[in-house]
Amino acid sequence: METELDKNLNLHKISCPIGVLCIIFEARPEAAVQIFSLSIKSGNSLILKGGKEAVLSNTALHEIFCEAIRLAVPSVVGCVQIVKTHDDINKLLALDKYIDLIIPR
C-alpha cells in the first residue's frame, strides 16, 4: 500500500512480524483462538499461557492449532506452543534473548 503525501514523497505500509510472542491470558478459551489467528496471520510464532481453569480446553485448542498449521504450512510446524503452569512463565521471562514480546492480556 502506498500513499503519495507530496511530490516525490510516498508513504509505504510495510508489515513486519515481531518474532516470538508469549501471551498470557485469562481462562477464556475463545481468547486463545483470537490470539492464535492474529499472531499467525501477522507471521509471528506464539507461546500461549491461559488460565488454569481452562487448561484442558486450551490444550485441546493447541492440538487443533498444531494440526491446522501442519496441514496448511508444514514448514512452520512448532510455531505455536502452550505453557500450562505459572512456574513455566517464570522460566520464560528469563529467555528474553529468544522471546521478543510478552503480553499479559
PDB file of N, CA and C in Angstrom:
ATOM      1  N   MET A   1       0.846  -1.173   0.000  1.00  0.00           N
ATOM      2  CA  MET A   1       0.000   0.000   0.000  1.00  0.00           C
ATOM      3  C   MET A   1       0.890   1.235   0.000  1.00  0.00           C
ATOM      4  N   GLU A   2       0.539   2.190  -0.838  1.00  0.00           N
ATOM      5  CA  GLU A   2       1.336   3.406  -0.965  1.00  0.00           C
ATOM      6  C   GLU A   2       0.426   4.616  -1.089  1.00  0.00           C
ATOM      7  N   THR A   3       0.803   5.686  -0.404  1.00  0.00           N
ATOM      8  CA  THR A   3       0.067   6.933  -0.471  1.00  0.00           C
ATOM      9  C   THR A   3       1.050   8.043  -0.803  1.00  0.00           C
ATOM     10  N   GLU A   4       0.714   8.830  -1.795  1.00  0.00           N
ATOM     11  CA  GLU A   4       1.583   9.955  -2.140  1.00  0.00           C
ATOM     12  C   GLU A   4       1.219  11.141  -1.252  1.00  0.00           C
ATOM     13  N   LEU A   5       2.136  11.532  -0.390  1.00  0.00           N
ATOM     14  CA  LEU A   5       1.917  12.643   0.520  1.00  0.00           C
ATOM     15  C   LEU A   5       2.224  13.985  -0.137  1.00  0.00           C
ATOM     16  N   ASP A   6       3.213  13.980  -1.001  1.00  0.00           N
ATOM     17  CA  ASP A   6       3.644  15.179  -1.697  1.00  0.00           C
ATOM     18  C   ASP A   6       4.452  14.721  -2.906  1.00  0.00           C
ATOM     19  N   LYS A   7       4.839  15.645  -3.750  1.00  0.00           N
ATOM     20  CA  LYS A   7       5.650  15.285  -4.903  1.00  0.00           C
ATOM     21  C   LYS A   7       6.948  14.638  -4.422  1.00  0.00           C
ATOM     22  N   ASN A   8       7.204  13.443  -4.925  1.00  0.00           N
ATOM     23  CA  ASN A   8       8.390  12.653  -4.567  1.00  0.00           C
ATOM     24  C   ASN A   8       8.428  12.258  -3.092  1.00  0.00           C
ATOM     25  N   LEU A   9       7.277  12.255  -2.422  1.00  0.00           N
ATOM     26  CA  LEU A   9       7.201  11.821  -1.026  1.00  0.00           C
ATOM     27  C   LEU A   9       6.052  10.831  -0.893  1.00  0.00           C
ATOM     28  N   ASN A  10       6.415   9.545  -0.842  1.00  0.00           N
ATOM     29  CA  ASN A  10       5.430   8.481  -0.781  1.00  0.00           C
ATOM     30  C   ASN A  10       5.506   7.775   0.562  1.00  0.00           C
ATOM     31  N   LEU A  11       4.348   7.451   1.088  1.00  0.00           N
ATOM     32  CA  LEU A  11       4.237   6.710   2.345  1.00  0.00           C
ATOM     33  C   LEU A  11       3.917   5.261   2.001  1.00  0.00           C
ATOM     34  N   HIS A  12       4.751   4.343   2.478  1.00  0.00           N
ATOM     35  CA  HIS A  12       4.568   2.918   2.231  1.00  0.00           C
ATOM     36  C   HIS A  12       4.185   2.229   3.528  1.00  0.00           C
ATOM     37  N   LYS A  13       3.249   1.321   3.446  1.00  0.00           N
ATOM     38  CA  LYS A  13       2.895   0.492   4.592  1.00  0.00           C
ATOM     39  C   LYS A  13       3.616  -0.840   4.425  1.00  0.00           C
ATOM     40  N   ILE A  14       4.455  -1.158   5.394  1.00  0.00           N
ATOM     41  CA  ILE A  14       5.214  -2.402   5.360  1.00  0.00           C
ATOM     42  C   ILE A  14       4.914  -3.176   6.639  1.00  0.00           C
ATOM     43  N   SER A  15       4.437  -4.384   6.491  1.00  0.00           N
ATOM     44  CA  SER A  15       4.171  -5.231   7.652  1.00  0.00           C
ATOM     45  C   SER A  15       5.405  -6.070   7.944  1.00  0.00           C
ATOM     46  N   CYS A  16       5.692  -6.207   9.202  1.00  0.00           N
ATOM     47  CA  CYS A  16       6.866  -6.961   9.622  1.00  0.00           C
ATOM     48  C   CYS A  16       6.531  -7.714  10.906  1.00  0.00           C
ATOM     49  N   PRO A  17       6.756  -9.034  10.942  1.00  0.00           N
ATOM     50  CA  PRO A  17       6.476  -9.767  12.170  1.00  0.00           C
ATOM     51  C   PRO A  17       7.379  -9.319  13.309  1.00  0.00           C
ATOM     52  N   ILE A  18       6.882  -9.444  14.515  1.00  0.00           N
ATOM     53  CA  ILE A  18       7.662  -9.103  15.703  1.00  0.00           C
ATOM     54  C   ILE A  18       8.634 -10.230  16.018  1.00  0.00           C
ATOM     55  N   GLY A  19       8.173 -11.462  15.903  1.00  0.00           N
ATOM     56  CA  GLY A  19       9.015 -12.621  16.192  1.00  0.00           C
ATOM     57  C   GLY A  19       8.268 -13.615  17.043  1.00  0.00           C
ATOM     58  N   VAL A  20       8.801 -13.891  18.221  1.00  0.00           N
ATOM     59  CA  VAL A  20       8.179 -14.842  19.144  1.00  0.00           C
ATOM     60  C   VAL A  20       7.392 -14.062  20.190  1.00  0.00           C
ATOM     61  N   LEU A  21       6.091 -14.329  20.242  1.00  0.00           N
ATOM     62  CA  LEU A  21       5.212 -13.690  21.210  1.00  0.00           C
ATOM     63  C   LEU A  21       4.850 -14.691  22.297  1.00  0.00           C
ATOM     64  N   CYS A  22       4.820 -14.246  23.521  1.00  0.00           N
ATOM     65  CA  CYS A  22       4.316 -15.033  24.636  1.00  0.00           C
ATOM     66  C   CYS A  22       3.134 -14.256  25.188  1.00  0.00           C
ATOM     67  N   ILE A  23       1.966 -14.841  25.109  1.00  0.00           N
ATOM     68  CA  ILE A  23       0.768 -14.131  25.540  1.00  0.00           C
ATOM     69  C   ILE A  23       0.115 -14.896  26.682  1.00  0.00           C
ATOM     70  N   ILE A  24      -0.058 -14.197  27.783  1.00  0.00           N
ATOM     71  CA  ILE A  24      -0.670 -14.757  28.987  1.00  0.00           C
ATOM     72  C   ILE A  24      -2.081 -14.186  29.066  1.00  0.00           C
ATOM     73  N   PHE A  25      -3.067 -15.061  29.093  1.00  0.00           N
ATOM     74  CA  PHE A  25      -4.447 -14.592  29.084  1.00  0.00           C
ATOM     75  C   PHE A  25      -5.262 -15.327  30.130  1.00  0.00           C
ATOM     76  N   GLU A  26      -6.434 -14.799  30.418  1.00  0.00           N
ATOM     77  CA  GLU A  26      -7.313 -15.361  31.441  1.00  0.00           C
ATOM     78  C   GLU A  26      -7.956 -16.650  30.940  1.00  0.00           C
ATOM     79  N   ALA A  27      -8.762 -17.242  31.764  1.00  0.00           N
ATOM     80  CA  ALA A  27      -9.397 -18.531  31.455  1.00  0.00           C
ATOM     81  C   ALA A  27     -10.586 -18.354  30.519  1.00  0.00           C
ATOM     82  N   ARG A  28     -10.302 -17.878  29.331  1.00  0.00           N
ATOM     83  CA  ARG A  28     -11.324 -17.745  28.294  1.00  0.00           C
ATOM     84  C   ARG A  28     -10.771 -18.386  27.032  1.00  0.00           C
ATOM     85  N   PRO A  29     -11.136 -19.614  26.745  1.00  0.00           N
ATOM     86  CA  PRO A  29     -10.564 -20.308  25.587  1.00  0.00           C
ATOM     87  C   PRO A  29     -10.765 -19.580  24.258  1.00  0.00           C
ATOM     88  N   GLU A  30     -11.843 -18.800  24.136  1.00  0.00           N
ATOM     89  CA  GLU A  30     -12.029 -18.079  22.858  1.00  0.00           C
ATOM     90  C   GLU A  30     -10.919 -17.053  22.646  1.00  0.00           C
ATOM     91  N   ALA A  31     -10.296 -16.592  23.718  1.00  0.00           N
ATOM     92  CA  ALA A  31      -9.155 -15.677  23.581  1.00  0.00           C
ATOM     93  C   ALA A  31      -7.994 -16.383  22.894  1.00  0.00           C
ATOM     94  N   ALA A  32      -7.805 -17.669  23.178  1.00  0.00           N
ATOM     95  CA  ALA A  32      -6.728 -18.435  22.536  1.00  0.00           C
ATOM     96  C   ALA A  32      -6.911 -18.459  21.020  1.00  0.00           C
ATOM     97  N   VAL A  33      -8.142 -18.611  20.585  1.00  0.00           N
ATOM     98  CA  VAL A  33      -8.429 -18.647  19.145  1.00  0.00           C
ATOM     99  C   VAL A  33      -8.120 -17.293  18.511  1.00  0.00           C
ATOM    100  N   GLN A  34      -8.536 -16.220  19.144  1.00  0.00           N
ATOM    101  CA  GLN A  34      -8.267 -14.878  18.627  1.00  0.00           C
ATOM    102  C   GLN A  34      -6.766 -14.588  18.586  1.00  0.00           C
ATOM    103  N   ILE A  35      -6.080 -14.921  19.665  1.00  0.00           N
ATOM    104  CA  ILE A  35      -4.641 -14.676  19.751  1.00  0.00           C
ATOM    105  C   ILE A  35      -3.907 -15.488  18.684  1.00  0.00           C
ATOM    106  N   PHE A  36      -4.251 -16.760  18.562  1.00  0.00           N
ATOM    107  CA  PHE A  36      -3.643 -17.627  17.563  1.00  0.00           C
ATOM    108  C   PHE A  36      -3.833 -17.046  16.157  1.00  0.00           C
ATOM    109  N   SER A  37      -5.054 -16.679  15.834  1.00  0.00           N
ATOM    110  CA  SER A  37      -5.366 -16.168  14.499  1.00  0.00           C
ATOM    111  C   SER A  37      -4.559 -14.915  14.172  1.00  0.00           C
ATOM    112  N   LEU A  38      -4.541 -13.985  15.097  1.00  0.00           N
ATOM    113  CA  LEU A  38      -3.828 -12.728  14.852  1.00  0.00           C
ATOM    114  C   LEU A  38      -2.316 -12.921  14.750  1.00  0.00           C
ATOM    115  N   SER A  39      -1.763 -13.757  15.601  1.00  0.00           N
ATOM    116  CA  SER A  39      -0.309 -13.916  15.576  1.00  0.00           C
ATOM    117  C   SER A  39       0.151 -14.681  14.340  1.00  0.00           C
ATOM    118  N   ILE A  40      -0.572 -15.705  13.942  1.00  0.00           N
ATOM    119  CA  ILE A  40      -0.186 -16.459  12.748  1.00  0.00           C
ATOM    120  C   ILE A  40      -0.392 -15.606  11.498  1.00  0.00           C
ATOM    121  N   LYS A  41      -1.487 -14.868  11.448  1.00  0.00           N
ATOM    122  CA  LYS A  41      -1.754 -14.002  10.297  1.00  0.00           C
ATOM    123  C   LYS A  41      -0.654 -12.959  10.130  1.00  0.00           C
ATOM    124  N   SER A  42      -0.096 -12.497  11.238  1.00  0.00           N
ATOM    125  CA  SER A  42       0.950 -11.480  11.167  1.00  0.00           C
ATOM    126  C   SER A  42       2.354 -12.086  11.092  1.00  0.00           C
ATOM    127  N   GLY A  43       2.462 -13.414  11.021  1.00  0.00           N
ATOM    128  CA  GLY A  43       3.748 -14.064  10.809  1.00  0.00           C
ATOM    129  C   GLY A  43       4.589 -14.270  12.053  1.00  0.00           C
ATOM    130  N   ASN A  44       3.962 -14.285  13.212  1.00  0.00           N
ATOM    131  CA  ASN A  44       4.692 -14.455  14.469  1.00  0.00           C
ATOM    132  C   ASN A  44       4.569 -15.880  14.986  1.00  0.00           C
ATOM    133  N   SER A  45       5.578 -16.306  15.734  1.00  0.00           N
ATOM    134  CA  SER A  45       5.478 -17.544  16.499  1.00  0.00           C
ATOM    135  C   SER A  45       4.805 -17.208  17.816  1.00  0.00           C
ATOM    136  N   LEU A  46       4.293 -18.226  18.503  1.00  0.00           N
ATOM    137  CA  LEU A  46       3.431 -17.947  19.637  1.00  0.00           C
ATOM    138  C   LEU A  46       3.625 -18.948  20.770  1.00  0.00           C
ATOM    139  N   ILE A  47       3.696 -18.422  21.980  1.00  0.00           N
ATOM    140  CA  ILE A  47       3.645 -19.230  23.195  1.00  0.00           C
ATOM    141  C   ILE A  47       2.403 -18.769  23.954  1.00  0.00           C
ATOM    142  N   LEU A  48       1.485 -19.690  24.196  1.00  0.00           N
ATOM    143  CA  LEU A  48       0.223 -19.369  24.862  1.00  0.00           C
ATOM    144  C   LEU A  48       0.239 -19.837  26.315  1.00  0.00           C
ATOM    145  N   LYS A  49      -0.269 -19.014  27.206  1.00  0.00           N
ATOM    146  CA  LYS A  49      -0.473 -19.404  28.601  1.00  0.00           C
ATOM    147  C   LYS A  49      -1.848 -18.913  29.020  1.00  0.00           C
ATOM    148  N   GLY A  50      -2.789 -19.844  29.105  1.00  0.00           N
ATOM    149  CA  GLY A  50      -4.137 -19.499  29.531  1.00  0.00           C
ATOM    150  C   GLY A  50      -4.323 -19.745  31.010  1.00  0.00           C
ATOM    151  N   GLY A  51      -5.468 -19.368  31.501  1.00  0.00           N
ATOM    152  CA  GLY A  51      -5.791 -19.560  32.909  1.00  0.00           C
ATOM    153  C   GLY A  51      -5.890 -21.030  33.277  1.00  0.00           C
ATOM    154  N   LYS A  52      -5.572 -21.348  34.533  1.00  0.00           N
ATOM    155  CA  LYS A  52      -5.560 -22.744  34.984  1.00  0.00           C
ATOM    156  C   LYS A  52      -6.946 -23.374  34.917  1.00  0.00           C
ATOM    157  N   GLU A  53      -7.997 -22.574  34.984  1.00  0.00           N
ATOM    158  CA  GLU A  53      -9.360 -23.111  34.946  1.00  0.00           C
ATOM    159  C   GLU A  53      -9.707 -23.686  33.569  1.00  0.00           C
ATOM    160  N   ALA A  54      -8.980 -23.294  32.539  1.00  0.00           N
ATOM    161  CA  ALA A  54      -9.295 -23.737  31.176  1.00  0.00           C
ATOM    162  C   ALA A  54      -8.155 -24.536  30.552  1.00  0.00           C
ATOM    163  N   VAL A  55      -7.322 -25.153  31.370  1.00  0.00           N
ATOM    164  CA  VAL A  55      -6.144 -25.844  30.840  1.00  0.00           C
ATOM    165  C   VAL A  55      -6.517 -26.973  29.874  1.00  0.00           C
ATOM    166  N   LEU A  56      -7.572 -27.711  30.139  1.00  0.00           N
ATOM    167  CA  LEU A  56      -7.973 -28.797  29.239  1.00  0.00           C
ATOM    168  C   LEU A  56      -8.479 -28.252  27.906  1.00  0.00           C
ATOM    169  N   SER A  57      -9.280 -27.194  27.959  1.00  0.00           N
ATOM    170  CA  SER A  57      -9.780 -26.572  26.723  1.00  0.00           C
ATOM    171  C   SER A  57      -8.626 -25.982  25.911  1.00  0.00           C
ATOM    172  N   ASN A  58      -7.713 -25.312  26.588  1.00  0.00           N
ATOM    173  CA  ASN A  58      -6.579 -24.710  25.886  1.00  0.00           C
ATOM    174  C   ASN A  58      -5.664 -25.770  25.286  1.00  0.00           C
ATOM    175  N   THR A  59      -5.498 -26.885  25.975  1.00  0.00           N
ATOM    176  CA  THR A  59      -4.690 -27.983  25.445  1.00  0.00           C
ATOM    177  C   THR A  59      -5.333 -28.557  24.184  1.00  0.00           C
ATOM    178  N   ALA A  60      -6.637 -28.741  24.206  1.00  0.00           N
ATOM    179  CA  ALA A  60      -7.353 -29.243  23.028  1.00  0.00           C
ATOM    180  C   ALA A  60      -7.241 -28.259  21.868  1.00  0.00           C
ATOM    181  N   LEU A  61      -7.393 -26.974  22.167  1.00  0.00           N
ATOM    182  CA  LEU A  61      -7.261 -25.957  21.112  1.00  0.00           C
ATOM    183  C   LEU A  61      -5.841 -25.941  20.546  1.00  0.00           C
ATOM    184  N   HIS A  62      -4.844 -26.083  21.401  1.00  0.00           N
ATOM    185  CA  HIS A  62      -3.457 -26.120  20.940  1.00  0.00           C
ATOM    186  C   HIS A  62      -3.245 -27.268  19.953  1.00  0.00           C
ATOM    187  N   GLU A  63      -3.818 -28.426  20.248  1.00  0.00           N
ATOM    188  CA  GLU A  63      -3.706 -29.564  19.339  1.00  0.00           C
ATOM    189  C   GLU A  63      -4.354 -29.256  17.987  1.00  0.00           C
ATOM    190  N   ILE A  64      -5.485 -28.575  18.016  1.00  0.00           N
ATOM    191  CA  ILE A  64      -6.162 -28.185  16.774  1.00  0.00           C
ATOM    192  C   ILE A  64      -5.307 -27.179  16.002  1.00  0.00           C
ATOM    193  N   PHE A  65      -4.735 -26.197  16.698  1.00  0.00           N
ATOM    194  CA  PHE A  65      -3.878 -25.207  16.050  1.00  0.00           C
ATOM    195  C   PHE A  65      -2.699 -25.895  15.361  1.00  0.00           C
ATOM    196  N   CYS A  66      -2.069 -26.819  16.075  1.00  0.00           N
ATOM    197  CA  CYS A  66      -0.901 -27.514  15.523  1.00  0.00           C
ATOM    198  C   CYS A  66      -1.265 -28.319  14.285  1.00  0.00           C
ATOM    199  N   GLU A  67      -2.406 -28.990  14.336  1.00  0.00           N
ATOM    200  CA  GLU A  67      -2.845 -29.771  13.175  1.00  0.00           C
ATOM    201  C   GLU A  67      -3.172 -28.857  11.993  1.00  0.00           C
ATOM    202  N   ALA A  68      -3.815 -27.737  12.260  1.00  0.00           N
ATOM    203  CA  ALA A  68      -4.142 -26.791  11.181  1.00  0.00           C
ATOM    204  C   ALA A  68      -2.868 -26.259  10.529  1.00  0.00           C
ATOM    205  N   ILE A  69      -1.881 -25.935  11.331  1.00  0.00           N
ATOM    206  CA  ILE A  69      -0.614 -25.442  10.785  1.00  0.00           C
ATOM    207  C   ILE A  69       0.081 -26.542   9.998  1.00  0.00           C
ATOM    208  N   ARG A  70       0.082 -27.765  10.541  1.00  0.00           N
ATOM    209  CA  ARG A  70       0.725 -28.883   9.852  1.00  0.00           C
ATOM    210  C   ARG A  70       0.122 -29.104   8.467  1.00  0.00           C
ATOM    211  N   LEU A  71      -1.206 -28.954   8.366  1.00  0.00           N
ATOM    212  CA  LEU A  71      -1.875 -29.151   7.085  1.00  0.00           C
ATOM    213  C   LEU A  71      -1.691 -27.970   6.135  1.00  0.00           C
ATOM    214  N   ALA A  72      -1.696 -26.766   6.676  1.00  0.00           N
ATOM    215  CA  ALA A  72      -1.656 -25.572   5.829  1.00  0.00           C
ATOM    216  C   ALA A  72      -0.236 -25.147   5.454  1.00  0.00           C
ATOM    217  N   VAL A  73       0.661 -25.138   6.427  1.00  0.00           N
ATOM    218  CA  VAL A  73       2.021 -24.642   6.194  1.00  0.00           C
ATOM    219  C   VAL A  73       3.006 -25.546   6.940  1.00  0.00           C
ATOM    220  N   PRO A  74       3.312 -26.708   6.386  1.00  0.00           N
ATOM    221  CA  PRO A  74       4.164 -27.663   7.104  1.00  0.00           C
ATOM    222  C   PRO A  74       5.549 -27.122   7.481  1.00  0.00           C
ATOM    223  N   SER A  75       6.019 -26.109   6.781  1.00  0.00           N
ATOM    224  CA  SER A  75       7.360 -25.588   7.056  1.00  0.00           C
ATOM    225  C   SER A  75       7.449 -24.836   8.384  1.00  0.00           C
ATOM    226  N   VAL A  76       6.322 -24.491   8.994  1.00  0.00           N
ATOM    227  CA  VAL A  76       6.358 -23.753  10.262  1.00  0.00           C
ATOM    228  C   VAL A  76       5.769 -24.555  11.423  1.00  0.00           C
ATOM    229  N   VAL A  77       5.759 -25.873  11.287  1.00  0.00           N
ATOM    230  CA  VAL A  77       5.271 -26.712  12.379  1.00  0.00           C
ATOM    231  C   VAL A  77       6.073 -26.399  13.636  1.00  0.00           C
ATOM    232  N   GLY A  78       5.396 -26.262  14.749  1.00  0.00           N
ATOM    233  CA  GLY A  78       6.059 -25.948  16.011  1.00  0.00           C
ATOM    234  C   GLY A  78       6.066 -24.470  16.340  1.00  0.00           C
ATOM    235  N   CYS A  79       5.435 -23.655  15.510  1.00  0.00           N
ATOM    236  CA  CYS A  79       5.446 -22.207  15.755  1.00  0.00           C
ATOM    237  C   CYS A  79       4.450 -21.785  16.826  1.00  0.00           C
ATOM    238  N   VAL A  80       3.629 -22.720  17.293  1.00  0.00           N
ATOM    239  CA  VAL A  80       2.685 -22.425  18.377  1.00  0.00           C
ATOM    240  C   VAL A  80       2.940 -23.427  19.503  1.00  0.00           C
ATOM    241  N   GLN A  81       3.229 -22.902  20.674  1.00  0.00           N
ATOM    242  CA  GLN A  81       3.481 -23.731  21.850  1.00  0.00           C
ATOM    243  C   GLN A  81       2.521 -23.320  22.959  1.00  0.00           C
ATOM    244  N   ILE A  82       2.366 -24.193  23.935  1.00  0.00           N
ATOM    245  CA  ILE A  82       1.486 -23.896  25.058  1.00  0.00           C
ATOM    246  C   ILE A  82       2.257 -24.124  26.358  1.00  0.00           C
ATOM    247  N   VAL A  83       1.983 -23.274  27.318  1.00  0.00           N
ATOM    248  CA  VAL A  83       2.562 -23.372  28.651  1.00  0.00           C
ATOM    249  C   VAL A  83       1.388 -23.584  29.600  1.00  0.00           C
ATOM    250  N   LYS A  84       1.533 -24.531  30.518  1.00  0.00           N
ATOM    251  CA  LYS A  84       0.383 -24.889  31.348  1.00  0.00           C
ATOM    252  C   LYS A  84       0.475 -24.428  32.792  1.00  0.00           C
ATOM    253  N   THR A  85       1.670 -24.117  33.289  1.00  0.00           N
ATOM    254  CA  THR A  85       1.787 -23.741  34.702  1.00  0.00           C
ATOM    255  C   THR A  85       2.422 -22.365  34.859  1.00  0.00           C
ATOM    256  N   HIS A  86       2.142 -21.756  35.976  1.00  0.00           N
ATOM    257  CA  HIS A  86       2.714 -20.440  36.275  1.00  0.00           C
ATOM    258  C   HIS A  86       4.227 -20.525  36.439  1.00  0.00           C
ATOM    259  N   ASP A  87       4.735 -21.634  36.944  1.00  0.00           N
ATOM    260  CA  ASP A  87       6.181 -21.812  37.099  1.00  0.00           C
ATOM    261  C   ASP A  87       6.906 -21.728  35.761  1.00  0.00           C
ATOM    262  N   ASP A  88       6.257 -22.217  34.697  1.00  0.00           N
ATOM    263  CA  ASP A  88       6.860 -22.147  33.373  1.00  0.00           C
ATOM    264  C   ASP A  88       7.023 -20.703  32.906  1.00  0.00           C
ATOM    265  N   ILE A  89       6.100 -19.848  33.280  1.00  0.00           N
ATOM    266  CA  ILE A  89       6.189 -18.436  32.897  1.00  0.00           C
ATOM    267  C   ILE A  89       7.430 -17.798  33.510  1.00  0.00           C
ATOM    268  N   ASN A  90       7.704 -18.104  34.769  1.00  0.00           N
ATOM    269  CA  ASN A  90       8.907 -17.552  35.403  1.00  0.00           C
ATOM    270  C   ASN A  90      10.165 -17.946  34.641  1.00  0.00           C
ATOM    271  N   LYS A  91      10.214 -19.164  34.130  1.00  0.00           N
ATOM    272  CA  LYS A  91      11.355 -19.611  33.327  1.00  0.00           C
ATOM    273  C   LYS A  91      11.402 -18.872  31.990  1.00  0.00           C
ATOM    274  N   LEU A  92      10.244 -18.656  31.388  1.00  0.00           N
ATOM    275  CA  LEU A  92      10.202 -17.966  30.092  1.00  0.00           C
ATOM    276  C   LEU A  92      10.652 -16.508  30.195  1.00  0.00           C
ATOM    277  N   LEU A  93      10.369 -15.884  31.327  1.00  0.00           N
ATOM    278  CA  LEU A  93      10.770 -14.489  31.500  1.00  0.00           C
ATOM    279  C   LEU A  93      12.285 -14.314  31.409  1.00  0.00           C
ATOM    280  N   ALA A  94      13.024 -15.350  31.714  1.00  0.00           N
ATOM    281  CA  ALA A  94      14.483 -15.291  31.635  1.00  0.00           C
ATOM    282  C   ALA A  94      15.001 -15.478  30.206  1.00  0.00           C
ATOM    283  N   LEU A  95      14.134 -15.837  29.294  1.00  0.00           N
ATOM    284  CA  LEU A  95      14.550 -16.117  27.922  1.00  0.00           C
ATOM    285  C   LEU A  95      14.358 -14.911  27.002  1.00  0.00           C
ATOM    286  N   ASP A  96      14.700 -13.735  27.477  1.00  0.00           N
ATOM    287  CA  ASP A  96      14.463 -12.521  26.693  1.00  0.00           C
ATOM    288  C   ASP A  96      15.292 -12.461  25.413  1.00  0.00           C
ATOM    289  N   LYS A  97      16.295 -13.311  25.266  1.00  0.00           N
ATOM    290  CA  LYS A  97      17.046 -13.393  24.008  1.00  0.00           C
ATOM    291  C   LYS A  97      16.210 -14.056  22.921  1.00  0.00           C
ATOM    292  N   TYR A  98      15.262 -14.889  23.333  1.00  0.00           N
ATOM    293  CA  TYR A  98      14.507 -15.708  22.390  1.00  0.00           C
ATOM    294  C   TYR A  98      13.040 -15.302  22.254  1.00  0.00           C
ATOM    295  N   ILE A  99      12.499 -14.658  23.262  1.00  0.00           N
ATOM    296  CA  ILE A  99      11.104 -14.201  23.223  1.00  0.00           C
ATOM    297  C   ILE A  99      11.114 -12.694  23.038  1.00  0.00           C
ATOM    298  N   ASP A 100      10.500 -12.261  21.950  1.00  0.00           N
ATOM    299  CA  ASP A 100      10.555 -10.844  21.597  1.00  0.00           C
ATOM    300  C   ASP A 100       9.562  -9.974  22.349  1.00  0.00           C
ATOM    301  N   LEU A 101       8.412 -10.536  22.698  1.00  0.00           N
ATOM    302  CA  LEU A 101       7.392  -9.734  23.351  1.00  0.00           C
ATOM    303  C   LEU A 101       6.520 -10.612  24.246  1.00  0.00           C
ATOM    304  N   ILE A 102       6.362 -10.231  25.499  1.00  0.00           N
ATOM    305  CA  ILE A 102       5.452 -10.925  26.404  1.00  0.00           C
ATOM    306  C   ILE A 102       4.292  -9.985  26.703  1.00  0.00           C
ATOM    307  N   ILE A 103       3.090 -10.493  26.467  1.00  0.00           N
ATOM    308  CA  ILE A 103       1.891  -9.666  26.633  1.00  0.00           C
ATOM    309  C   ILE A 103       0.971 -10.315  27.664  1.00  0.00           C
ATOM    310  N   PRO A 104       0.800  -9.694  28.819  1.00  0.00           N
ATOM    311  CA  PRO A 104      -0.239 -10.160  29.743  1.00  0.00           C
ATOM    312  C   PRO A 104      -1.554  -9.558  29.309  1.00  0.00           C
ATOM    313  N   ARG A 105      -2.508 -10.372  28.944  1.00  0.00           N
ATOM    314  CA  ARG A 105      -3.777  -9.861  28.408  1.00  0.00           C
ATOM    315  C   ARG A 105      -4.848  -9.963  29.449  1.00  0.00           C
TER     316      ARG A 105
END
